[in-house]
């Protein structure tokens, strides 16, 4: 018995679709482990939570009725290094910080110049190739959170969001 070509073609497409779906699921799972293995300084969000806050706070802060507290740093422009190359690269980005609470806004407003300087310093320490990958961007965001919270001597920033991210 000979099968018509449309049946063979549609069965092949279904097989390819299933294989692609399995690959995407596997890749998204392994990408998180890849970040942790390549960047040992990567600190997941749960590890940088303030110790003084009760678990009830997190249930409240992660509920849908509470809008996140955001602080916009504005635009940051800095040169990005390229080891072993004479190419000049730069990054222009706009950052929004998600804060643990409203009290952090006052600290960031007071130290905005120091925060921008720290972000530029971190950005200059990154390579163009590294920032051009998802893992590099995730590491960069985590480095910002760790360094600025260290600068302010308390956990103020929960998460960094890129409002825009431009590399050239």
Protein backbone atom coordinates (compact mmCIF):
# COMPACT_ATOMS: atom_id res chain seq x y z
CA UNK A 1 0.00 0.00 0.00
CA UNK A 2 1.38 3.32 -1.03
CA UNK A 3 0.58 6.51 1.00
CA UNK A 4 -0.11 9.74 -0.86
CA UNK A 5 2.53 12.45 -0.59
CA UNK A 6 0.31 14.93 1.38
CA UNK A 7 -0.09 12.37 4.21
CA UNK A 8 3.63 11.71 4.37
CA UNK A 9 4.35 15.45 4.31
CA UNK A 10 1.85 16.27 7.09
CA UNK A 11 3.14 13.39 9.26
CA UNK A 12 6.70 14.64 8.77
CA UNK A 13 5.70 18.19 9.75
CA UNK A 14 3.94 16.91 12.87
CA UNK A 15 7.06 14.96 13.87
CA UNK A 16 9.27 17.99 13.33
CA UNK A 17 6.86 20.14 15.35
CA UNK A 18 6.89 17.73 18.27
CA UNK A 19 10.69 17.50 18.18
CA UNK A 20 10.99 21.30 18.06
CA UNK A 21 8.62 21.66 21.02
CA UNK A 22 10.64 19.19 23.08
CA UNK A 23 13.86 21.01 22.16
CA UNK A 24 12.44 24.40 23.21
CA UNK A 25 11.28 23.04 26.57
CA UNK A 26 14.66 21.37 27.16
CA UNK A 27 16.58 24.47 26.12
CA UNK A 28 14.61 26.83 28.38
CA UNK A 29 15.21 24.48 31.31
CA UNK A 30 18.93 24.13 30.62
CA UNK A 31 19.42 27.88 30.02
CA UNK A 32 18.77 28.59 33.70
CA UNK A 33 21.33 25.98 34.73
CA UNK A 34 23.77 27.41 32.19
CA UNK A 35 23.58 30.86 33.77
CA UNK A 36 24.26 29.38 37.19
CA UNK A 37 27.20 27.30 35.95
CA UNK A 38 28.91 30.07 33.94
CA UNK A 39 28.29 32.91 36.38
CA UNK A 40 28.86 31.75 39.96
CA UNK A 41 28.11 35.25 41.30
CA UNK A 42 24.56 35.07 39.95
CA UNK A 43 22.24 35.46 42.96
CA UNK A 44 18.64 34.35 42.46
CA UNK A 45 15.97 36.77 43.62
CA UNK A 46 15.02 34.73 46.73
CA UNK A 47 18.58 34.92 48.07
CA UNK A 48 18.73 38.71 48.08
CA UNK A 49 15.50 39.33 49.93
CA UNK A 50 15.76 41.44 53.06
CA UNK A 51 16.08 39.20 56.13
CA UNK A 52 13.98 41.53 58.27
CA UNK A 53 10.83 41.08 56.17
CA UNK A 54 8.28 38.47 57.19
CA UNK A 55 6.94 35.85 54.74
CA UNK A 56 3.53 37.59 54.87
CA UNK A 57 5.13 40.59 53.17
CA UNK A 58 6.06 38.47 50.15
CA UNK A 59 2.55 37.06 49.86
CA UNK A 60 1.26 40.66 49.90
CA UNK A 61 3.96 42.06 47.61
CA UNK A 62 3.47 39.33 44.99
CA UNK A 63 -0.32 39.54 44.94
CA UNK A 64 -2.00 40.99 41.88
CA UNK A 65 -3.59 43.94 43.75
CA UNK A 66 -0.26 45.52 44.71
CA UNK A 67 1.44 47.46 41.93
CA UNK A 68 5.24 47.25 41.96
CA UNK A 69 7.21 50.23 43.25
CA UNK A 70 9.36 51.43 40.34
CA UNK A 71 12.18 53.95 40.11
CA UNK A 72 13.37 55.08 36.68
CA UNK A 73 17.08 55.82 36.47
CA UNK A 74 16.81 57.31 33.03
CA UNK A 75 19.25 56.89 30.16
CA UNK A 76 22.78 55.60 30.69
CA UNK A 77 25.43 55.73 27.96
CA UNK A 78 28.83 54.06 28.28
CA UNK A 79 31.62 52.51 26.26
CA UNK A 80 31.71 48.72 26.24
CA UNK A 81 35.02 46.92 26.03
CA UNK A 82 36.02 44.39 23.42
CA UNK A 83 39.08 42.49 24.61
CA UNK A 84 41.74 42.15 21.90
CA UNK A 85 39.96 44.45 19.48
CA UNK A 86 40.25 48.08 18.50
CA UNK A 87 36.53 48.31 17.75
CA UNK A 88 34.64 50.96 19.69
CA UNK A 89 31.33 49.78 21.08
CA UNK A 90 28.87 51.54 23.29
CA UNK A 91 25.68 50.72 25.12
CA UNK A 92 22.73 53.03 25.65
CA UNK A 93 20.05 51.83 28.01
CA UNK A 94 17.21 53.00 30.18
CA UNK A 95 16.77 51.23 33.50
CA UNK A 96 13.76 50.86 35.76
CA UNK A 97 14.35 49.45 39.23
CA UNK A 98 11.65 47.45 40.99
CA UNK A 99 11.99 48.27 44.68
CA UNK A 100 11.11 46.29 47.77
CA UNK A 101 9.08 49.18 49.17
CA UNK A 102 8.40 52.89 48.79
CA UNK A 103 11.17 53.81 51.26
CA UNK A 104 13.81 52.76 48.73
CA UNK A 105 12.71 55.50 46.32
CA UNK A 106 14.00 58.20 48.69
CA UNK A 107 17.39 56.48 49.01
CA UNK A 108 17.75 56.16 45.24
CA UNK A 109 16.73 59.78 44.64
CA UNK A 110 19.36 60.97 47.14
CA UNK A 111 22.12 58.81 45.68
CA UNK A 112 21.10 58.92 42.00
CA UNK A 113 24.50 60.19 40.84
CA UNK A 114 26.30 57.38 42.68
CA UNK A 115 23.85 54.81 41.32
CA UNK A 116 24.38 56.00 37.73
CA UNK A 117 28.14 55.95 38.26
CA UNK A 118 27.94 52.37 39.57
CA UNK A 119 25.83 51.26 36.58
CA UNK A 120 28.32 52.86 34.16
CA UNK A 121 31.21 51.20 36.00
CA UNK A 122 29.53 47.79 35.74
CA UNK A 123 28.70 48.41 32.08
CA UNK A 124 32.31 49.31 31.24
CA UNK A 125 33.45 46.05 32.85
CA UNK A 126 31.26 43.96 30.51
CA UNK A 127 32.36 42.83 27.08
CA UNK A 128 30.31 43.49 23.95
CA UNK A 129 30.04 39.78 23.13
CA UNK A 130 28.85 38.94 26.63
CA UNK A 131 26.21 41.69 26.70
CA UNK A 132 24.98 40.54 23.31
CA UNK A 133 23.71 37.27 24.83
CA UNK A 134 20.71 36.59 27.06
CA UNK A 135 22.92 35.07 29.74
CA UNK A 136 25.14 38.16 29.70
CA UNK A 137 22.16 40.47 30.10
CA UNK A 138 20.82 38.41 33.00
CA UNK A 139 24.21 38.47 34.69
CA UNK A 140 24.47 42.24 34.09
CA UNK A 141 21.06 42.79 35.72
CA UNK A 142 22.01 40.67 38.73
CA UNK A 143 25.34 42.48 39.07
CA UNK A 144 23.50 45.82 39.12
CA UNK A 145 21.16 44.62 41.88
CA UNK A 146 24.00 43.26 44.00
CA UNK A 147 26.31 46.27 43.62
CA UNK A 148 23.68 48.96 44.18
CA UNK A 149 22.19 47.18 47.19
CA UNK A 150 25.76 46.93 48.50
CA UNK A 151 26.33 50.63 47.78
CA UNK A 152 23.19 51.56 49.74
CA UNK A 153 24.08 49.11 52.56
CA UNK A 154 20.62 47.53 52.46
CA UNK A 155 18.40 45.62 50.04
CA UNK A 156 16.50 48.29 48.15
CA UNK A 157 16.29 46.93 44.59
CA UNK A 158 14.44 43.70 43.93
CA UNK A 159 14.70 43.55 40.14
CA UNK A 160 16.09 45.56 37.22
CA UNK A 161 14.01 46.07 34.08
CA UNK A 162 15.42 47.33 30.78
CA UNK A 163 13.11 49.99 29.36
CA UNK A 164 15.49 50.06 26.37
CA UNK A 165 18.77 48.32 25.61
CA UNK A 166 20.87 49.33 22.63
CA UNK A 167 24.32 47.98 21.78
CA UNK A 168 26.45 49.18 18.87
